[in-house]
Amino acid sequence: MTRVVVWLTEGTWAGCVDAAKSLAPDDAEFVLLHVTDGDVTEAVHGAFGGLLGRGRAPAELSSGSAETLLAKA
């Protein structure tokens, strides 16, 4: 069995998934990968609190975004 790793980003995930499906063998196993830069998350800590309300840490918001992205893919 062939294992295909697909690195996803917010702007290109749909095209990446479609391309991987069209190029991989029918029996391929897909691993979807989304990486969030920790430095970016820390840099915008204040913006998350000010713009998005209280009670959620930046890592939780980022993690939620990543989970949504992977679920759509």
PDB file of N, CA and C in Angstrom:
ATOM      1  N   MET A   1       0.848  -1.182   0.000  1.00  0.00           N
ATOM      2  CA  MET A   1       0.000   0.000   0.000  1.00  0.00           C
ATOM      3  C   MET A   1       0.893   1.245   0.000  1.00  0.00           C
ATOM      4  N   THR A   2       0.485   2.225  -0.742  1.00  0.00           N
ATOM      5  CA  THR A   2       1.185   3.496  -0.828  1.00  0.00           C
ATOM      6  C   THR A   2       0.604   4.460   0.186  1.00  0.00           C
ATOM      7  N   ARG A   3       1.460   5.156   0.929  1.00  0.00           N
ATOM      8  CA  ARG A   3       1.014   6.177   1.869  1.00  0.00           C
ATOM      9  C   ARG A   3       1.382   7.544   1.278  1.00  0.00           C
ATOM     10  N   VAL A   4       0.396   8.428   1.211  1.00  0.00           N
ATOM     11  CA  VAL A   4       0.581   9.767   0.645  1.00  0.00           C
ATOM     12  C   VAL A   4       0.357  10.788   1.745  1.00  0.00           C
ATOM     13  N   VAL A   5       1.346  11.648   1.965  1.00  0.00           N
ATOM     14  CA  VAL A   5       1.221  12.723   2.945  1.00  0.00           C
ATOM     15  C   VAL A   5       0.874  14.001   2.188  1.00  0.00           C
ATOM     16  N   VAL A   6      -0.209  14.652   2.599  1.00  0.00           N
ATOM     17  CA  VAL A   6      -0.671  15.878   1.954  1.00  0.00           C
ATOM     18  C   VAL A   6      -0.584  17.003   2.978  1.00  0.00           C
ATOM     19  N   TRP A   7       0.285  17.971   2.713  1.00  0.00           N
ATOM     20  CA  TRP A   7       0.462  19.119   3.601  1.00  0.00           C
ATOM     21  C   TRP A   7      -0.580  20.157   3.223  1.00  0.00           C
ATOM     22  N   LEU A   8      -1.476  20.463   4.154  1.00  0.00           N
ATOM     23  CA  LEU A   8      -2.590  21.364   3.881  1.00  0.00           C
ATOM     24  C   LEU A   8      -2.347  22.753   4.454  1.00  0.00           C
ATOM     25  N   THR A   9      -2.835  23.753   3.742  1.00  0.00           N
ATOM     26  CA  THR A   9      -2.868  25.131   4.237  1.00  0.00           C
ATOM     27  C   THR A   9      -4.268  25.669   3.977  1.00  0.00           C
ATOM     28  N   GLU A  10      -4.608  26.747   4.659  1.00  0.00           N
ATOM     29  CA  GLU A  10      -5.954  27.293   4.545  1.00  0.00           C
ATOM     30  C   GLU A  10      -6.340  27.651   3.110  1.00  0.00           C
ATOM     31  N   GLY A  11      -5.444  28.205   2.353  1.00  0.00           N
ATOM     32  CA  GLY A  11      -5.789  28.691   1.022  1.00  0.00           C
ATOM     33  C   GLY A  11      -5.729  27.669  -0.092  1.00  0.00           C
ATOM     34  N   THR A  12      -5.077  26.530   0.143  1.00  0.00           N
ATOM     35  CA  THR A  12      -4.854  25.590  -0.965  1.00  0.00           C
ATOM     36  C   THR A  12      -5.291  24.166  -0.668  1.00  0.00           C
ATOM     37  N   TRP A  13      -5.936  23.924   0.473  1.00  0.00           N
ATOM     38  CA  TRP A  13      -6.207  22.545   0.875  1.00  0.00           C
ATOM     39  C   TRP A  13      -7.066  21.784  -0.137  1.00  0.00           C
ATOM     40  N   ALA A  14      -8.082  22.415  -0.678  1.00  0.00           N
ATOM     41  CA  ALA A  14      -8.975  21.697  -1.598  1.00  0.00           C
ATOM     42  C   ALA A  14      -8.212  21.220  -2.838  1.00  0.00           C
ATOM     43  N   GLY A  15      -7.398  22.094  -3.411  1.00  0.00           N
ATOM     44  CA  GLY A  15      -6.607  21.724  -4.586  1.00  0.00           C
ATOM     45  C   GLY A  15      -5.574  20.654  -4.273  1.00  0.00           C
ATOM     46  N   CYS A  16      -4.968  20.723  -3.089  1.00  0.00           N
ATOM     47  CA  CYS A  16      -3.983  19.716  -2.689  1.00  0.00           C
ATOM     48  C   CYS A  16      -4.626  18.347  -2.539  1.00  0.00           C
ATOM     49  N   VAL A  17      -5.794  18.292  -1.905  1.00  0.00           N
ATOM     50  CA  VAL A  17      -6.498  17.024  -1.725  1.00  0.00           C
ATOM     51  C   VAL A  17      -6.919  16.460  -3.085  1.00  0.00           C
ATOM     52  N   ASP A  18      -7.471  17.299  -3.949  1.00  0.00           N
ATOM     53  CA  ASP A  18      -7.890  16.840  -5.284  1.00  0.00           C
ATOM     54  C   ASP A  18      -6.706  16.318  -6.090  1.00  0.00           C
ATOM     55  N   ALA A  19      -5.585  17.044  -6.044  1.00  0.00           N
ATOM     56  CA  ALA A  19      -4.397  16.615  -6.793  1.00  0.00           C
ATOM     57  C   ALA A  19      -3.867  15.294  -6.254  1.00  0.00           C
ATOM     58  N   ALA A  20      -3.813  15.152  -4.943  1.00  0.00           N
ATOM     59  CA  ALA A  20      -3.318  13.906  -4.353  1.00  0.00           C
ATOM     60  C   ALA A  20      -4.202  12.730  -4.746  1.00  0.00           C
ATOM     61  N   LYS A  21      -5.517  12.935  -4.706  1.00  0.00           N
ATOM     62  CA  LYS A  21      -6.447  11.855  -5.077  1.00  0.00           C
ATOM     63  C   LYS A  21      -6.296  11.467  -6.544  1.00  0.00           C
ATOM     64  N   SER A  22      -6.043  12.450  -7.400  1.00  0.00           N
ATOM     65  CA  SER A  22      -5.939  12.143  -8.834  1.00  0.00           C
ATOM     66  C   SER A  22      -4.606  11.494  -9.202  1.00  0.00           C
ATOM     67  N   LEU A  23      -3.560  11.721  -8.407  1.00  0.00           N
ATOM     68  CA  LEU A  23      -2.234  11.200  -8.739  1.00  0.00           C
ATOM     69  C   LEU A  23      -1.882   9.901  -8.024  1.00  0.00           C
ATOM     70  N   ALA A  24      -2.523   9.624  -6.913  1.00  0.00           N
ATOM     71  CA  ALA A  24      -2.171   8.450  -6.110  1.00  0.00           C
ATOM     72  C   ALA A  24      -2.894   7.206  -6.616  1.00  0.00           C
ATOM     73  N   PRO A  25      -2.312   6.043  -6.361  1.00  0.00           N
ATOM     74  CA  PRO A  25      -2.997   4.791  -6.722  1.00  0.00           C
ATOM     75  C   PRO A  25      -4.311   4.644  -5.949  1.00  0.00           C
ATOM     76  N   ASP A  26      -5.203   3.817  -6.463  1.00  0.00           N
ATOM     77  CA  ASP A  26      -6.520   3.636  -5.846  1.00  0.00           C
ATOM     78  C   ASP A  26      -6.453   3.114  -4.419  1.00  0.00           C
ATOM     79  N   ASP A  27      -5.437   2.311  -4.100  1.00  0.00           N
ATOM     80  CA  ASP A  27      -5.340   1.733  -2.758  1.00  0.00           C
ATOM     81  C   ASP A  27      -4.508   2.584  -1.797  1.00  0.00           C
ATOM     82  N   ALA A  28      -4.221   3.831  -2.156  1.00  0.00           N
ATOM     83  CA  ALA A  28      -3.370   4.695  -1.337  1.00  0.00           C
ATOM     84  C   ALA A  28      -4.041   5.056  -0.018  1.00  0.00           C
ATOM     85  N   GLU A  29      -3.218   5.201   0.991  1.00  0.00           N
ATOM     86  CA  GLU A  29      -3.649   5.690   2.296  1.00  0.00           C
ATOM     87  C   GLU A  29      -3.188   7.139   2.401  1.00  0.00           C
ATOM     88  N   PHE A  30      -4.090   8.035   2.764  1.00  0.00           N
ATOM     89  CA  PHE A  30      -3.759   9.452   2.833  1.00  0.00           C
ATOM     90  C   PHE A  30      -3.572   9.898   4.270  1.00  0.00           C
ATOM     91  N   VAL A  31      -2.515  10.673   4.480  1.00  0.00           N
ATOM     92  CA  VAL A  31      -2.258  11.295   5.772  1.00  0.00           C
ATOM     93  C   VAL A  31      -2.314  12.799   5.530  1.00  0.00           C
ATOM     94  N   LEU A  32      -3.256  13.477   6.187  1.00  0.00           N
ATOM     95  CA  LEU A  32      -3.401  14.924   6.024  1.00  0.00           C
ATOM     96  C   LEU A  32      -2.638  15.622   7.134  1.00  0.00           C
ATOM     97  N   LEU A  33      -1.824  16.604   6.753  1.00  0.00           N
ATOM     98  CA  LEU A  33      -0.963  17.291   7.700  1.00  0.00           C
ATOM     99  C   LEU A  33      -1.213  18.789   7.631  1.00  0.00           C
ATOM    100  N   HIS A  34      -1.462  19.394   8.788  1.00  0.00           N
ATOM    101  CA  HIS A  34      -1.597  20.846   8.891  1.00  0.00           C
ATOM    102  C   HIS A  34      -0.758  21.285  10.068  1.00  0.00           C
ATOM    103  N   VAL A  35       0.145  22.230   9.857  1.00  0.00           N
ATOM    104  CA  VAL A  35       1.046  22.693  10.900  1.00  0.00           C
ATOM    105  C   VAL A  35       0.766  24.160  11.179  1.00  0.00           C
ATOM    106  N   THR A  36       0.646  24.480  12.458  1.00  0.00           N
ATOM    107  CA  THR A  36       0.462  25.865  12.876  1.00  0.00           C
ATOM    108  C   THR A  36       1.748  26.351  13.518  1.00  0.00           C
ATOM    109  N   ASP A  37       2.254  27.470  13.083  1.00  0.00           N
ATOM    110  CA  ASP A  37       3.478  28.054  13.610  1.00  0.00           C
ATOM    111  C   ASP A  37       3.226  28.624  15.000  1.00  0.00           C
ATOM    112  N   GLY A  38       3.892  28.096  16.009  1.00  0.00           N
ATOM    113  CA  GLY A  38       3.732  28.558  17.382  1.00  0.00           C
ATOM    114  C   GLY A  38       4.138  30.006  17.580  1.00  0.00           C
ATOM    115  N   ASP A  39       5.138  30.486  16.837  1.00  0.00           N
ATOM    116  CA  ASP A  39       5.571  31.880  16.960  1.00  0.00           C
ATOM    117  C   ASP A  39       4.475  32.838  16.538  1.00  0.00           C
ATOM    118  N   VAL A  40       3.755  32.490  15.491  1.00  0.00           N
ATOM    119  CA  VAL A  40       2.662  33.342  15.021  1.00  0.00           C
ATOM    120  C   VAL A  40       1.550  33.389  16.057  1.00  0.00           C
ATOM    121  N   THR A  41       1.237  32.237  16.627  1.00  0.00           N
ATOM    122  CA  THR A  41       0.191  32.169  17.646  1.00  0.00           C
ATOM    123  C   THR A  41       0.528  33.056  18.828  1.00  0.00           C
ATOM    124  N   GLU A  42       1.771  33.017  19.286  1.00  0.00           N
ATOM    125  CA  GLU A  42       2.187  33.848  20.418  1.00  0.00           C
ATOM    126  C   GLU A  42       2.178  35.328  20.057  1.00  0.00           C
ATOM    127  N   ALA A  43       2.550  35.650  18.839  1.00  0.00           N
ATOM    128  CA  ALA A  43       2.632  37.051  18.424  1.00  0.00           C
ATOM    129  C   ALA A  43       1.274  37.726  18.393  1.00  0.00           C
ATOM    130  N   VAL A  44       0.234  36.979  18.117  1.00  0.00           N
ATOM    131  CA  VAL A  44      -1.095  37.578  18.016  1.00  0.00           C
ATOM    132  C   VAL A  44      -1.963  37.303  19.245  1.00  0.00           C
ATOM    133  N   HIS A  45      -1.338  36.902  20.328  1.00  0.00           N
ATOM    134  CA  HIS A  45      -2.075  36.589  21.560  1.00  0.00           C
ATOM    135  C   HIS A  45      -3.015  37.722  21.961  1.00  0.00           C
ATOM    136  N   GLY A  46      -2.538  38.948  21.975  1.00  0.00           N
ATOM    137  CA  GLY A  46      -3.374  40.087  22.350  1.00  0.00           C
ATOM    138  C   GLY A  46      -4.512  40.323  21.373  1.00  0.00           C
ATOM    139  N   ALA A  47      -4.264  40.114  20.103  1.00  0.00           N
ATOM    140  CA  ALA A  47      -5.307  40.331  19.097  1.00  0.00           C
ATOM    141  C   ALA A  47      -6.447  39.331  19.261  1.00  0.00           C
ATOM    142  N   PHE A  48      -6.130  38.109  19.551  1.00  0.00           N
ATOM    143  CA  PHE A  48      -7.183  37.113  19.770  1.00  0.00           C
ATOM    144  C   PHE A  48      -8.075  37.534  20.931  1.00  0.00           C
ATOM    145  N   GLY A  49      -7.447  37.934  22.021  1.00  0.00           N
ATOM    146  CA  GLY A  49      -8.223  38.330  23.187  1.00  0.00           C
ATOM    147  C   GLY A  49      -9.087  39.544  22.910  1.00  0.00           C
ATOM    148  N   GLY A  50      -8.545  40.515  22.197  1.00  0.00           N
ATOM    149  CA  GLY A  50      -9.278  41.744  21.933  1.00  0.00           C
ATOM    150  C   GLY A  50     -10.345  41.611  20.865  1.00  0.00           C
ATOM    151  N   LEU A  51     -10.082  40.825  19.845  1.00  0.00           N
ATOM    152  CA  LEU A  51     -11.014  40.725  18.724  1.00  0.00           C
ATOM    153  C   LEU A  51     -12.019  39.590  18.850  1.00  0.00           C
ATOM    154  N   LEU A  52     -11.624  38.540  19.497  1.00  0.00           N
ATOM    155  CA  LEU A  52     -12.470  37.354  19.506  1.00  0.00           C
ATOM    156  C   LEU A  52     -13.098  37.052  20.860  1.00  0.00           C
ATOM    157  N   GLY A  53     -12.935  37.928  21.802  1.00  0.00           N
ATOM    158  CA  GLY A  53     -13.579  37.717  23.090  1.00  0.00           C
ATOM    159  C   GLY A  53     -12.690  37.045  24.103  1.00  0.00           C
ATOM    160  N   ARG A  54     -13.296  36.707  25.228  1.00  0.00           N
ATOM    161  CA  ARG A  54     -12.551  36.127  26.336  1.00  0.00           C
ATOM    162  C   ARG A  54     -12.861  34.643  26.462  1.00  0.00           C
ATOM    163  N   GLY A  55     -11.979  33.965  27.195  1.00  0.00           N
ATOM    164  CA  GLY A  55     -12.252  32.586  27.565  1.00  0.00           C
ATOM    165  C   GLY A  55     -11.641  31.527  26.674  1.00  0.00           C
ATOM    166  N   ARG A  56     -11.016  31.902  25.590  1.00  0.00           N
ATOM    167  CA  ARG A  56     -10.359  30.918  24.737  1.00  0.00           C
ATOM    168  C   ARG A  56      -8.925  31.348  24.504  1.00  0.00           C
ATOM    169  N   ALA A  57      -8.023  30.426  24.704  1.00  0.00           N
ATOM    170  CA  ALA A  57      -6.602  30.714  24.485  1.00  0.00           C
ATOM    171  C   ALA A  57      -6.300  30.674  22.996  1.00  0.00           C
ATOM    172  N   PRO A  58      -5.263  31.376  22.538  1.00  0.00           N
ATOM    173  CA  PRO A  58      -4.907  31.353  21.116  1.00  0.00           C
ATOM    174  C   PRO A  58      -4.671  29.951  20.588  1.00  0.00           C
ATOM    175  N   ALA A  59      -4.029  29.080  21.369  1.00  0.00           N
ATOM    176  CA  ALA A  59      -3.768  27.719  20.908  1.00  0.00           C
ATOM    177  C   ALA A  59      -5.067  26.973  20.660  1.00  0.00           C
ATOM    178  N   GLU A  60      -6.093  27.224  21.477  1.00  0.00           N
ATOM    179  CA  GLU A  60      -7.377  26.568  21.271  1.00  0.00           C
ATOM    180  C   GLU A  60      -8.020  27.033  19.975  1.00  0.00           C
ATOM    181  N   LEU A  61      -7.944  28.317  19.689  1.00  0.00           N
ATOM    182  CA  LEU A  61      -8.514  28.839  18.455  1.00  0.00           C
ATOM    183  C   LEU A  61      -7.784  28.264  17.253  1.00  0.00           C
ATOM    184  N   SER A  62      -6.468  28.229  17.354  1.00  0.00           N
ATOM    185  CA  SER A  62      -5.671  27.697  16.269  1.00  0.00           C
ATOM    186  C   SER A  62      -5.973  26.217  16.069  1.00  0.00           C
ATOM    187  N   SER A  63      -6.052  25.477  17.142  1.00  0.00           N
ATOM    188  CA  SER A  63      -6.334  24.058  17.074  1.00  0.00           C
ATOM    189  C   SER A  63      -7.724  23.821  16.461  1.00  0.00           C
ATOM    190  N   GLY A  64      -8.695  24.634  16.847  1.00  0.00           N
ATOM    191  CA  GLY A  64     -10.042  24.508  16.282  1.00  0.00           C
ATOM    192  C   GLY A  64     -10.042  24.751  14.799  1.00  0.00           C
ATOM    193  N   SER A  65      -9.288  25.749  14.381  1.00  0.00           N
ATOM    194  CA  SER A  65      -9.174  26.053  12.957  1.00  0.00           C
ATOM    195  C   SER A  65      -8.551  24.893  12.196  1.00  0.00           C
ATOM    196  N   ALA A  66      -7.521  24.314  12.773  1.00  0.00           N
ATOM    197  CA  ALA A  66      -6.856  23.177  12.129  1.00  0.00           C
ATOM    198  C   ALA A  66      -7.787  21.984  12.040  1.00  0.00           C
ATOM    199  N   GLU A  67      -8.546  21.714  13.111  1.00  0.00           N
ATOM    200  CA  GLU A  67      -9.476  20.588  13.092  1.00  0.00           C
ATOM    201  C   GLU A  67     -10.553  20.780  12.037  1.00  0.00           C
ATOM    202  N   THR A  68     -11.042  22.003  11.908  1.00  0.00           N
ATOM    203  CA  THR A  68     -12.054  22.294  10.895  1.00  0.00           C
ATOM    204  C   THR A  68     -11.485  22.083   9.493  1.00  0.00           C
ATOM    205  N   LEU A  69     -10.269  22.560   9.275  1.00  0.00           N
ATOM    206  CA  LEU A  69      -9.608  22.413   7.988  1.00  0.00           C
ATOM    207  C   LEU A  69      -9.441  20.939   7.626  1.00  0.00           C
ATOM    208  N   LEU A  70      -8.974  20.126   8.566  1.00  0.00           N
ATOM    209  CA  LEU A  70      -8.759  18.708   8.295  1.00  0.00           C
ATOM    210  C   LEU A  70     -10.095  17.987   8.086  1.00  0.00           C
ATOM    211  N   ALA A  71     -11.126  18.375   8.816  1.00  0.00           N
ATOM    212  CA  ALA A  71     -12.437  17.748   8.638  1.00  0.00           C
ATOM    213  C   ALA A  71     -13.003  18.023   7.240  1.00  0.00           C
ATOM    214  N   LYS A  72     -12.820  19.244   6.755  1.00  0.00           N
ATOM    215  CA  LYS A  72     -13.293  19.585   5.406  1.00  0.00           C
ATOM    216  C   LYS A  72     -12.528  18.802   4.347  1.00  0.00           C
ATOM    217  N   ALA A  73     -11.220  18.661   4.557  1.00  0.00           N
ATOM    218  CA  ALA A  73     -10.391  17.926   3.593  1.00  0.00           C
ATOM    219  C   ALA A  73     -10.773  16.466   3.568  1.00  0.00           C
TER     220      ALA A  73
END
